[in-house]
Amino acid sequence: MNFNLEHMKVLITGGSRGIGFFIAKEFLDQNSIVCINSSNSKNLLNAKKKLNNSNLKISKFNFLNKNSFKKLI
């Protein structure tokens, strides 16, 4: 299914594994610009390697940690 999501900017929290990972893959397949986040660096690097797409950005932060969240903003 094509929703014309080319160049849309998408942030997927928890995007390094599971459902979030597959959502990221679908957006990347539609040529969206995707940022996935996780609090786990190893999971982020594994996801980046598997997705292998120049439109993918990764960001390590934890929404439950106030200081981590402030760095994002």
PDB file of N, CA and C in Angstrom:
ATOM      1  N   MET A   1       0.844  -1.171   0.000  1.00  0.00           N
ATOM      2  CA  MET A   1       0.000   0.000   0.000  1.00  0.00           C
ATOM      3  C   MET A   1       0.893   1.239   0.000  1.00  0.00           C
ATOM      4  N   ASN A   2       0.637   2.188  -0.846  1.00  0.00           N
ATOM      5  CA  ASN A   2       1.447   3.386  -0.952  1.00  0.00           C
ATOM      6  C   ASN A   2       0.639   4.597  -0.511  1.00  0.00           C
ATOM      7  N   PHE A   3       1.135   5.292   0.509  1.00  0.00           N
ATOM      8  CA  PHE A   3       0.451   6.472   1.034  1.00  0.00           C
ATOM      9  C   PHE A   3       1.161   7.765   0.683  1.00  0.00           C
ATOM     10  N   ASN A   4       2.134   7.722  -0.251  1.00  0.00           N
ATOM     11  CA  ASN A   4       2.907   8.890  -0.640  1.00  0.00           C
ATOM     12  C   ASN A   4       3.528   9.566   0.581  1.00  0.00           C
ATOM     13  N   LEU A   5       4.364   8.822   1.282  1.00  0.00           N
ATOM     14  CA  LEU A   5       5.016   9.312   2.485  1.00  0.00           C
ATOM     15  C   LEU A   5       6.435   9.775   2.221  1.00  0.00           C
ATOM     16  N   GLU A   6       6.776   9.985   0.957  1.00  0.00           N
ATOM     17  CA  GLU A   6       8.125  10.383   0.588  1.00  0.00           C
ATOM     18  C   GLU A   6       8.502  11.695   1.270  1.00  0.00           C
ATOM     19  N   HIS A   7       9.680  11.702   1.877  1.00  0.00           N
ATOM     20  CA  HIS A   7      10.272  12.856   2.557  1.00  0.00           C
ATOM     21  C   HIS A   7       9.529  13.286   3.824  1.00  0.00           C
ATOM     22  N   MET A   8       8.570  12.488   4.285  1.00  0.00           N
ATOM     23  CA  MET A   8       7.921  12.780   5.563  1.00  0.00           C
ATOM     24  C   MET A   8       8.930  12.499   6.667  1.00  0.00           C
ATOM     25  N   LYS A   9       8.899  13.271   7.734  1.00  0.00           N
ATOM     26  CA  LYS A   9       9.797  13.072   8.870  1.00  0.00           C
ATOM     27  C   LYS A   9       9.038  12.344   9.972  1.00  0.00           C
ATOM     28  N   VAL A  10       9.627  11.209  10.410  1.00  0.00           N
ATOM     29  CA  VAL A  10       8.936  10.324  11.337  1.00  0.00           C
ATOM     30  C   VAL A  10       9.851  10.001  12.513  1.00  0.00           C
ATOM     31  N   LEU A  11       9.331  10.111  13.729  1.00  0.00           N
ATOM     32  CA  LEU A  11      10.040   9.674  14.921  1.00  0.00           C
ATOM     33  C   LEU A  11       9.317   8.450  15.464  1.00  0.00           C
ATOM     34  N   ILE A  12      10.063   7.367  15.620  1.00  0.00           N
ATOM     35  CA  ILE A  12       9.479   6.132  16.142  1.00  0.00           C
ATOM     36  C   ILE A  12      10.192   5.792  17.445  1.00  0.00           C
ATOM     37  N   THR A  13       9.473   5.911  18.545  1.00  0.00           N
ATOM     38  CA  THR A  13      10.053   5.549  19.827  1.00  0.00           C
ATOM     39  C   THR A  13      10.028   4.038  19.954  1.00  0.00           C
ATOM     40  N   GLY A  14      11.098   3.499  20.498  1.00  0.00           N
ATOM     41  CA  GLY A  14      11.207   2.046  20.599  1.00  0.00           C
ATOM     42  C   GLY A  14      11.332   1.402  19.228  1.00  0.00           C
ATOM     43  N   GLY A  15      11.985   2.086  18.301  1.00  0.00           N
ATOM     44  CA  GLY A  15      12.052   1.620  16.919  1.00  0.00           C
ATOM     45  C   GLY A  15      13.192   0.678  16.607  1.00  0.00           C
ATOM     46  N   SER A  16      13.944   0.276  17.602  1.00  0.00           N
ATOM     47  CA  SER A  16      15.096  -0.580  17.325  1.00  0.00           C
ATOM     48  C   SER A  16      14.757  -2.066  17.286  1.00  0.00           C
ATOM     49  N   ARG A  17      13.574  -2.440  17.763  1.00  0.00           N
ATOM     50  CA  ARG A  17      13.186  -3.854  17.792  1.00  0.00           C
ATOM     51  C   ARG A  17      11.671  -3.985  17.621  1.00  0.00           C
ATOM     52  N   GLY A  18      11.251  -5.204  17.371  1.00  0.00           N
ATOM     53  CA  GLY A  18       9.828  -5.537  17.376  1.00  0.00           C
ATOM     54  C   GLY A  18       8.991  -4.749  16.391  1.00  0.00           C
ATOM     55  N   ILE A  19       7.806  -4.384  16.836  1.00  0.00           N
ATOM     56  CA  ILE A  19       6.858  -3.665  15.976  1.00  0.00           C
ATOM     57  C   ILE A  19       7.440  -2.340  15.506  1.00  0.00           C
ATOM     58  N   GLY A  20       8.111  -1.618  16.396  1.00  0.00           N
ATOM     59  CA  GLY A  20       8.705  -0.331  16.027  1.00  0.00           C
ATOM     60  C   GLY A  20       9.707  -0.469  14.900  1.00  0.00           C
ATOM     61  N   PHE A  21      10.503  -1.538  14.938  1.00  0.00           N
ATOM     62  CA  PHE A  21      11.485  -1.792  13.882  1.00  0.00           C
ATOM     63  C   PHE A  21      10.787  -1.981  12.542  1.00  0.00           C
ATOM     64  N   PHE A  22       9.725  -2.772  12.520  1.00  0.00           N
ATOM     65  CA  PHE A  22       9.019  -3.035  11.262  1.00  0.00           C
ATOM     66  C   PHE A  22       8.254  -1.809  10.760  1.00  0.00           C
ATOM     67  N   ILE A  23       7.781  -0.988  11.682  1.00  0.00           N
ATOM     68  CA  ILE A  23       7.157   0.280  11.278  1.00  0.00           C
ATOM     69  C   ILE A  23       8.210   1.171  10.625  1.00  0.00           C
ATOM     70  N   ALA A  24       9.398   1.243  11.233  1.00  0.00           N
ATOM     71  CA  ALA A  24      10.493   2.034  10.655  1.00  0.00           C
ATOM     72  C   ALA A  24      10.829   1.542   9.256  1.00  0.00           C
ATOM     73  N   LYS A  25      10.904   0.227   9.093  1.00  0.00           N
ATOM     74  CA  LYS A  25      11.212  -0.357   7.782  1.00  0.00           C
ATOM     75  C   LYS A  25      10.179   0.048   6.743  1.00  0.00           C
ATOM     76  N   GLU A  26       8.914   0.009   7.095  1.00  0.00           N
ATOM     77  CA  GLU A  26       7.847   0.379   6.155  1.00  0.00           C
ATOM     78  C   GLU A  26       7.951   1.853   5.754  1.00  0.00           C
ATOM     79  N   PHE A  27       8.192   2.727   6.716  1.00  0.00           N
ATOM     80  CA  PHE A  27       8.350   4.147   6.393  1.00  0.00           C
ATOM     81  C   PHE A  27       9.569   4.367   5.506  1.00  0.00           C
ATOM     82  N   LEU A  28      10.672   3.687   5.808  1.00  0.00           N
ATOM     83  CA  LEU A  28      11.875   3.814   4.977  1.00  0.00           C
ATOM     84  C   LEU A  28      11.618   3.311   3.565  1.00  0.00           C
ATOM     85  N   ASP A  29      10.837   2.242   3.437  1.00  0.00           N
ATOM     86  CA  ASP A  29      10.483   1.727   2.116  1.00  0.00           C
ATOM     87  C   ASP A  29       9.668   2.736   1.307  1.00  0.00           C
ATOM     88  N   GLN A  30       9.001   3.657   2.006  1.00  0.00           N
ATOM     89  CA  GLN A  30       8.217   4.710   1.354  1.00  0.00           C
ATOM     90  C   GLN A  30       9.041   5.993   1.186  1.00  0.00           C
ATOM     91  N   ASN A  31      10.349   5.903   1.418  1.00  0.00           N
ATOM     92  CA  ASN A  31      11.281   7.035   1.294  1.00  0.00           C
ATOM     93  C   ASN A  31      11.041   8.152   2.296  1.00  0.00           C
ATOM     94  N   SER A  32      10.527   7.792   3.465  1.00  0.00           N
ATOM     95  CA  SER A  32      10.405   8.766   4.551  1.00  0.00           C
ATOM     96  C   SER A  32      11.758   8.927   5.226  1.00  0.00           C
ATOM     97  N   ILE A  33      11.913  10.019   5.944  1.00  0.00           N
ATOM     98  CA  ILE A  33      13.092  10.253   6.768  1.00  0.00           C
ATOM     99  C   ILE A  33      12.713   9.822   8.183  1.00  0.00           C
ATOM    100  N   VAL A  34      13.408   8.817   8.699  1.00  0.00           N
ATOM    101  CA  VAL A  34      12.996   8.164   9.939  1.00  0.00           C
ATOM    102  C   VAL A  34      14.065   8.300  11.010  1.00  0.00           C
ATOM    103  N   CYS A  35      13.637   8.657  12.199  1.00  0.00           N
ATOM    104  CA  CYS A  35      14.500   8.639  13.373  1.00  0.00           C
ATOM    105  C   CYS A  35      13.917   7.612  14.337  1.00  0.00           C
ATOM    106  N   ILE A  36      14.735   6.612  14.682  1.00  0.00           N
ATOM    107  CA  ILE A  36      14.300   5.653  15.692  1.00  0.00           C
ATOM    108  C   ILE A  36      15.053   5.948  16.982  1.00  0.00           C
ATOM    109  N   ASN A  37      14.415   5.675  18.091  1.00  0.00           N
ATOM    110  CA  ASN A  37      15.080   5.876  19.362  1.00  0.00           C
ATOM    111  C   ASN A  37      14.967   4.620  20.208  1.00  0.00           C
ATOM    112  N   SER A  38      15.913   4.518  21.108  1.00  0.00           N
ATOM    113  CA  SER A  38      15.933   3.447  22.099  1.00  0.00           C
ATOM    114  C   SER A  38      16.833   3.913  23.222  1.00  0.00           C
ATOM    115  N   SER A  39      16.681   3.324  24.379  1.00  0.00           N
ATOM    116  CA  SER A  39      17.601   3.618  25.473  1.00  0.00           C
ATOM    117  C   SER A  39      18.784   2.651  25.442  1.00  0.00           C
ATOM    118  N   ASN A  40      18.788   1.745  24.463  1.00  0.00           N
ATOM    119  CA  ASN A  40      19.827   0.721  24.363  1.00  0.00           C
ATOM    120  C   ASN A  40      20.665   0.937  23.097  1.00  0.00           C
ATOM    121  N   SER A  41      21.917   1.327  23.277  1.00  0.00           N
ATOM    122  CA  SER A  41      22.811   1.614  22.140  1.00  0.00           C
ATOM    123  C   SER A  41      23.020   0.401  21.245  1.00  0.00           C
ATOM    124  N   LYS A  42      23.182  -0.754  21.843  1.00  0.00           N
ATOM    125  CA  LYS A  42      23.422  -1.970  21.072  1.00  0.00           C
ATOM    126  C   LYS A  42      22.243  -2.265  20.136  1.00  0.00           C
ATOM    127  N   ASN A  43      21.026  -2.126  20.644  1.00  0.00           N
ATOM    128  CA  ASN A  43      19.844  -2.355  19.809  1.00  0.00           C
ATOM    129  C   ASN A  43      19.760  -1.339  18.670  1.00  0.00           C
ATOM    130  N   LEU A  44      20.106  -0.086  18.960  1.00  0.00           N
ATOM    131  CA  LEU A  44      20.081   0.947  17.918  1.00  0.00           C
ATOM    132  C   LEU A  44      21.078   0.642  16.805  1.00  0.00           C
ATOM    133  N   LEU A  45      22.284   0.264  17.184  1.00  0.00           N
ATOM    134  CA  LEU A  45      23.305  -0.035  16.176  1.00  0.00           C
ATOM    135  C   LEU A  45      22.945  -1.268  15.354  1.00  0.00           C
ATOM    136  N   ASN A  46      22.343  -2.270  16.001  1.00  0.00           N
ATOM    137  CA  ASN A  46      21.885  -3.459  15.263  1.00  0.00           C
ATOM    138  C   ASN A  46      20.788  -3.095  14.267  1.00  0.00           C
ATOM    139  N   ALA A  47      19.853  -2.265  14.698  1.00  0.00           N
ATOM    140  CA  ALA A  47      18.755  -1.845  13.812  1.00  0.00           C
ATOM    141  C   ALA A  47      19.301  -1.046  12.636  1.00  0.00           C
ATOM    142  N   LYS A  48      20.245  -0.144  12.921  1.00  0.00           N
ATOM    143  CA  LYS A  48      20.839   0.673  11.854  1.00  0.00           C
ATOM    144  C   LYS A  48      21.517  -0.212  10.813  1.00  0.00           C
ATOM    145  N   LYS A  49      22.229  -1.212  11.287  1.00  0.00           N
ATOM    146  CA  LYS A  49      22.921  -2.134  10.384  1.00  0.00           C
ATOM    147  C   LYS A  49      21.920  -2.938   9.539  1.00  0.00           C
ATOM    148  N   LYS A  50      20.855  -3.418  10.176  1.00  0.00           N
ATOM    149  CA  LYS A  50      19.860  -4.223   9.458  1.00  0.00           C
ATOM    150  C   LYS A  50      19.067  -3.388   8.447  1.00  0.00           C
ATOM    151  N   LEU A  51      18.700  -2.168   8.827  1.00  0.00           N
ATOM    152  CA  LEU A  51      17.886  -1.331   7.941  1.00  0.00           C
ATOM    153  C   LEU A  51      18.727  -0.711   6.827  1.00  0.00           C
ATOM    154  N   ASN A  52      19.981  -0.381   7.110  1.00  0.00           N
ATOM    155  CA  ASN A  52      20.937   0.065   6.092  1.00  0.00           C
ATOM    156  C   ASN A  52      20.322   1.050   5.102  1.00  0.00           C
ATOM    157  N   ASN A  53      19.922   2.211   5.609  1.00  0.00           N
ATOM    158  CA  ASN A  53      19.241   3.195   4.775  1.00  0.00           C
ATOM    159  C   ASN A  53      19.736   4.591   5.152  1.00  0.00           C
ATOM    160  N   SER A  54      20.107   5.389   4.169  1.00  0.00           N
ATOM    161  CA  SER A  54      20.638   6.731   4.446  1.00  0.00           C
ATOM    162  C   SER A  54      19.576   7.681   5.012  1.00  0.00           C
ATOM    163  N   ASN A  55      18.302   7.333   4.897  1.00  0.00           N
ATOM    164  CA  ASN A  55      17.227   8.155   5.468  1.00  0.00           C
ATOM    165  C   ASN A  55      16.965   7.835   6.931  1.00  0.00           C
ATOM    166  N   LEU A  56      17.750   6.917   7.491  1.00  0.00           N
ATOM    167  CA  LEU A  56      17.565   6.520   8.883  1.00  0.00           C
ATOM    168  C   LEU A  56      18.513   7.273   9.802  1.00  0.00           C
ATOM    169  N   LYS A  57      17.960   7.821  10.855  1.00  0.00           N
ATOM    170  CA  LYS A  57      18.737   8.450  11.920  1.00  0.00           C
ATOM    171  C   LYS A  57      18.450   7.672  13.199  1.00  0.00           C
ATOM    172  N   ILE A  58      19.441   7.595  14.084  1.00  0.00           N
ATOM    173  CA  ILE A  58      19.220   6.927  15.362  1.00  0.00           C
ATOM    174  C   ILE A  58      19.497   7.900  16.489  1.00  0.00           C
ATOM    175  N   SER A  59      18.800   7.710  17.605  1.00  0.00           N
ATOM    176  CA  SER A  59      18.970   8.588  18.745  1.00  0.00           C
ATOM    177  C   SER A  59      18.748   7.794  20.027  1.00  0.00           C
ATOM    178  N   LYS A  60      19.722   7.865  20.919  1.00  0.00           N
ATOM    179  CA  LYS A  60      19.601   7.167  22.193  1.00  0.00           C
ATOM    180  C   LYS A  60      19.065   8.126  23.245  1.00  0.00           C
ATOM    181  N   PHE A  61      17.890   7.844  23.743  1.00  0.00           N
ATOM    182  CA  PHE A  61      17.350   8.578  24.883  1.00  0.00           C
ATOM    183  C   PHE A  61      16.219   7.780  25.499  1.00  0.00           C
ATOM    184  N   ASN A  62      15.885   8.148  26.710  1.00  0.00           N
ATOM    185  CA  ASN A  62      14.854   7.458  27.464  1.00  0.00           C
ATOM    186  C   ASN A  62      13.828   8.493  27.901  1.00  0.00           C
ATOM    187  N   PHE A  63      12.593   8.347  27.449  1.00  0.00           N
ATOM    188  CA  PHE A  63      11.548   9.312  27.796  1.00  0.00           C
ATOM    189  C   PHE A  63      11.281   9.372  29.291  1.00  0.00           C
ATOM    190  N   LEU A  64      11.615   8.312  30.018  1.00  0.00           N
ATOM    191  CA  LEU A  64      11.371   8.295  31.453  1.00  0.00           C
ATOM    192  C   LEU A  64      12.454   9.015  32.241  1.00  0.00           C
ATOM    193  N   ASN A  65      13.553   9.354  31.574  1.00  0.00           N
ATOM    194  CA  ASN A  65      14.653  10.056  32.216  1.00  0.00           C
ATOM    195  C   ASN A  65      14.598  11.529  31.803  1.00  0.00           C
ATOM    196  N   LYS A  66      14.299  12.384  32.740  1.00  0.00           N
ATOM    197  CA  LYS A  66      14.096  13.813  32.459  1.00  0.00           C
ATOM    198  C   LYS A  66      15.332  14.428  31.774  1.00  0.00           C
ATOM    199  N   ASN A  67      16.527  14.129  32.250  1.00  0.00           N
ATOM    200  CA  ASN A  67      17.740  14.704  31.670  1.00  0.00           C
ATOM    201  C   ASN A  67      17.964  14.223  30.246  1.00  0.00           C
ATOM    202  N   SER A  68      17.697  12.958  29.989  1.00  0.00           N
ATOM    203  CA  SER A  68      17.842  12.405  28.652  1.00  0.00           C
ATOM    204  C   SER A  68      16.872  13.082  27.685  1.00  0.00           C
ATOM    205  N   PHE A  69      15.663  13.298  28.136  1.00  0.00           N
ATOM    206  CA  PHE A  69      14.623  13.926  27.314  1.00  0.00           C
ATOM    207  C   PHE A  69      14.988  15.378  26.996  1.00  0.00           C
ATOM    208  N   LYS A  70      15.528  16.109  27.956  1.00  0.00           N
ATOM    209  CA  LYS A  70      15.906  17.504  27.740  1.00  0.00           C
ATOM    210  C   LYS A  70      16.987  17.625  26.660  1.00  0.00           C
ATOM    211  N   LYS A  71      17.920  16.662  26.600  1.00  0.00           N
ATOM    212  CA  LYS A  71      18.965  16.681  25.587  1.00  0.00           C
ATOM    213  C   LYS A  71      18.384  16.551  24.193  1.00  0.00           C
ATOM    214  N   LEU A  72      17.295  15.817  24.062  1.00  0.00           N
ATOM    215  CA  LEU A  72      16.649  15.638  22.761  1.00  0.00           C
ATOM    216  C   LEU A  72      16.104  16.957  22.247  1.00  0.00           C
ATOM    217  N   ILE A  73      15.495  17.714  23.112  1.00  0.00           N
ATOM    218  CA  ILE A  73      14.868  18.990  22.741  1.00  0.00           C
ATOM    219  C   ILE A  73      15.944  20.002  22.510  1.00  0.00           C
TER     220      ILE A  73
END
